[in-house]
Amino acid sequence: MQYPRKMMKTTELVRECGYTYKYLLRMAHIPGQKYARKLPGGKDFYWDTEKFERAQEKLIPR
């Protein structure tokens, strides 16, 4: 999938890419993941879309 920007907020991924909010929160809370971060004192997750795409490819059974 092509993403509009390298770093995106959760709400942007929902609005622009069609992900569900619930799915993104589950992905963000996987122990040891490196693609979703919160800034100190912030409430929004910021996603590295390249790392997120690679992580999703690993989860898809082939």
N, C-alpha and C. Protein backbone atom coordinates (compact mmCIF):
# COMPACT_ATOMS: atom_id res chain seq x y z
N MET A 1 0.84 -1.17 0.00
CA MET A 1 0.00 0.00 0.00
C MET A 1 0.89 1.24 0.00
N GLN A 2 0.46 2.26 -0.70
CA GLN A 2 1.18 3.54 -0.72
C GLN A 2 0.54 4.48 0.30
N TYR A 3 1.39 5.08 1.11
CA TYR A 3 0.92 6.02 2.13
C TYR A 3 1.26 7.44 1.70
N PRO A 4 0.42 8.41 2.05
CA PRO A 4 0.68 9.80 1.66
C PRO A 4 1.95 10.39 2.28
N ARG A 5 2.30 9.98 3.50
CA ARG A 5 3.46 10.52 4.20
C ARG A 5 4.18 9.41 4.94
N LYS A 6 5.46 9.64 5.27
CA LYS A 6 6.25 8.64 6.01
C LYS A 6 5.78 8.52 7.45
N MET A 7 5.43 9.63 8.09
CA MET A 7 4.93 9.62 9.47
C MET A 7 3.49 10.12 9.46
N MET A 8 2.61 9.35 10.09
CA MET A 8 1.19 9.73 10.12
C MET A 8 0.62 9.46 11.50
N LYS A 9 -0.41 10.24 11.87
CA LYS A 9 -1.14 10.03 13.12
C LYS A 9 -2.20 8.95 12.89
N THR A 10 -2.68 8.38 13.97
CA THR A 10 -3.71 7.34 13.89
C THR A 10 -4.94 7.84 13.14
N THR A 11 -5.41 9.03 13.47
CA THR A 11 -6.62 9.55 12.82
C THR A 11 -6.41 9.76 11.32
N GLU A 12 -5.20 10.10 10.91
CA GLU A 12 -4.91 10.26 9.48
C GLU A 12 -4.96 8.90 8.77
N LEU A 13 -4.43 7.86 9.42
CA LEU A 13 -4.49 6.53 8.82
C LEU A 13 -5.92 6.05 8.67
N VAL A 14 -6.76 6.36 9.64
CA VAL A 14 -8.17 5.98 9.56
C VAL A 14 -8.85 6.73 8.43
N ARG A 15 -8.67 8.04 8.39
CA ARG A 15 -9.36 8.89 7.43
C ARG A 15 -8.84 8.69 6.00
N GLU A 16 -7.52 8.64 5.82
CA GLU A 16 -6.96 8.64 4.47
C GLU A 16 -6.67 7.25 3.91
N CYS A 17 -6.47 6.26 4.77
CA CYS A 17 -6.07 4.93 4.29
C CYS A 17 -7.11 3.85 4.54
N GLY A 18 -8.15 4.15 5.31
CA GLY A 18 -9.24 3.20 5.49
C GLY A 18 -9.07 2.16 6.58
N TYR A 19 -8.04 2.29 7.42
CA TYR A 19 -7.88 1.37 8.55
C TYR A 19 -8.94 1.68 9.60
N THR A 20 -9.28 0.67 10.41
CA THR A 20 -10.19 0.94 11.53
C THR A 20 -9.36 1.37 12.73
N TYR A 21 -9.95 2.19 13.55
CA TYR A 21 -9.27 2.71 14.74
C TYR A 21 -8.92 1.55 15.68
N LYS A 22 -9.83 0.60 15.82
CA LYS A 22 -9.62 -0.54 16.70
C LYS A 22 -8.43 -1.39 16.24
N TYR A 23 -8.32 -1.63 14.93
CA TYR A 23 -7.20 -2.40 14.38
C TYR A 23 -5.87 -1.70 14.68
N LEU A 24 -5.81 -0.40 14.47
CA LEU A 24 -4.58 0.35 14.70
C LEU A 24 -4.18 0.33 16.16
N LEU A 25 -5.14 0.44 17.07
CA LEU A 25 -4.81 0.39 18.49
C LEU A 25 -4.28 -0.99 18.88
N ARG A 26 -4.85 -2.03 18.31
CA ARG A 26 -4.33 -3.38 18.58
C ARG A 26 -2.90 -3.52 18.07
N MET A 27 -2.63 -3.00 16.89
CA MET A 27 -1.28 -3.07 16.33
C MET A 27 -0.31 -2.24 17.16
N ALA A 28 -0.74 -1.11 17.66
CA ALA A 28 0.13 -0.23 18.44
C ALA A 28 0.50 -0.84 19.79
N HIS A 29 -0.33 -1.74 20.30
CA HIS A 29 -0.08 -2.32 21.62
C HIS A 29 0.56 -3.71 21.56
N ILE A 30 1.06 -4.11 20.39
CA ILE A 30 1.80 -5.36 20.29
C ILE A 30 3.14 -5.15 20.98
N PRO A 31 3.49 -6.01 21.93
CA PRO A 31 4.77 -5.83 22.64
C PRO A 31 5.97 -5.88 21.68
N GLY A 32 6.86 -4.92 21.82
CA GLY A 32 8.08 -4.88 21.03
C GLY A 32 7.97 -4.25 19.66
N GLN A 33 6.81 -3.77 19.29
CA GLN A 33 6.67 -3.15 17.96
C GLN A 33 7.48 -1.86 17.90
N LYS A 34 7.93 -1.50 16.69
CA LYS A 34 8.80 -0.34 16.50
C LYS A 34 8.21 0.72 15.57
N TYR A 35 6.95 0.58 15.17
CA TYR A 35 6.38 1.46 14.16
C TYR A 35 5.42 2.51 14.70
N ALA A 36 4.91 2.36 15.92
CA ALA A 36 3.96 3.32 16.49
C ALA A 36 4.52 3.86 17.80
N ARG A 37 4.56 5.17 17.92
CA ARG A 37 5.10 5.82 19.12
C ARG A 37 4.18 6.95 19.56
N LYS A 38 4.21 7.19 20.85
CA LYS A 38 3.55 8.37 21.41
C LYS A 38 4.64 9.34 21.83
N LEU A 39 4.42 10.61 21.59
CA LEU A 39 5.34 11.62 22.08
C LEU A 39 5.15 11.76 23.58
N PRO A 40 6.19 12.14 24.32
CA PRO A 40 6.04 12.30 25.77
C PRO A 40 4.92 13.29 26.10
N GLY A 41 3.99 12.86 26.92
CA GLY A 41 2.87 13.70 27.32
C GLY A 41 1.76 13.79 26.29
N GLY A 42 1.91 13.11 25.16
CA GLY A 42 0.90 13.18 24.11
C GLY A 42 -0.09 12.04 24.19
N LYS A 43 -1.18 12.17 23.45
CA LYS A 43 -2.18 11.11 23.44
C LYS A 43 -2.27 10.40 22.09
N ASP A 44 -1.69 10.98 21.05
CA ASP A 44 -1.77 10.41 19.71
C ASP A 44 -0.59 9.50 19.42
N PHE A 45 -0.86 8.42 18.70
CA PHE A 45 0.22 7.57 18.20
C PHE A 45 0.68 8.16 16.87
N TYR A 46 1.98 8.14 16.66
CA TYR A 46 2.57 8.53 15.39
C TYR A 46 3.17 7.27 14.77
N TRP A 47 2.85 7.03 13.51
CA TRP A 47 3.18 5.78 12.84
C TRP A 47 4.23 6.00 11.78
N ASP A 48 5.29 5.17 11.80
CA ASP A 48 6.26 5.12 10.72
C ASP A 48 5.64 4.16 9.71
N THR A 49 5.14 4.68 8.61
CA THR A 49 4.35 3.87 7.69
C THR A 49 5.17 2.80 6.98
N GLU A 50 6.47 3.04 6.76
CA GLU A 50 7.30 2.01 6.12
C GLU A 50 7.46 0.80 7.03
N LYS A 51 7.76 1.05 8.30
CA LYS A 51 7.91 -0.05 9.26
C LYS A 51 6.57 -0.75 9.50
N PHE A 52 5.50 0.04 9.53
CA PHE A 52 4.17 -0.52 9.73
C PHE A 52 3.80 -1.46 8.59
N GLU A 53 4.10 -1.07 7.36
CA GLU A 53 3.79 -1.92 6.21
C GLU A 53 4.58 -3.23 6.26
N ARG A 54 5.86 -3.16 6.62
CA ARG A 54 6.67 -4.38 6.72
C ARG A 54 6.13 -5.30 7.82
N ALA A 55 5.70 -4.73 8.94
CA ALA A 55 5.16 -5.54 10.03
C ALA A 55 3.86 -6.23 9.62
N GLN A 56 3.03 -5.54 8.86
CA GLN A 56 1.79 -6.16 8.40
C GLN A 56 2.07 -7.31 7.43
N GLU A 57 3.08 -7.17 6.60
CA GLU A 57 3.42 -8.23 5.65
C GLU A 57 3.85 -9.49 6.39
N LYS A 58 4.52 -9.33 7.53
CA LYS A 58 4.95 -10.49 8.32
C LYS A 58 3.76 -11.20 8.97
N LEU A 59 2.69 -10.46 9.27
CA LEU A 59 1.53 -11.04 9.94
C LEU A 59 0.60 -11.79 8.99
N ILE A 60 0.68 -11.49 7.70
CA ILE A 60 -0.21 -12.11 6.72
C ILE A 60 0.28 -13.52 6.42
N PRO A 61 -0.54 -14.53 6.69
CA PRO A 61 -0.13 -15.92 6.38
C PRO A 61 -0.12 -16.16 4.86
N ARG A 62 0.86 -16.90 4.41
CA ARG A 62 0.94 -17.20 2.97
C ARG A 62 0.89 -18.66 2.71
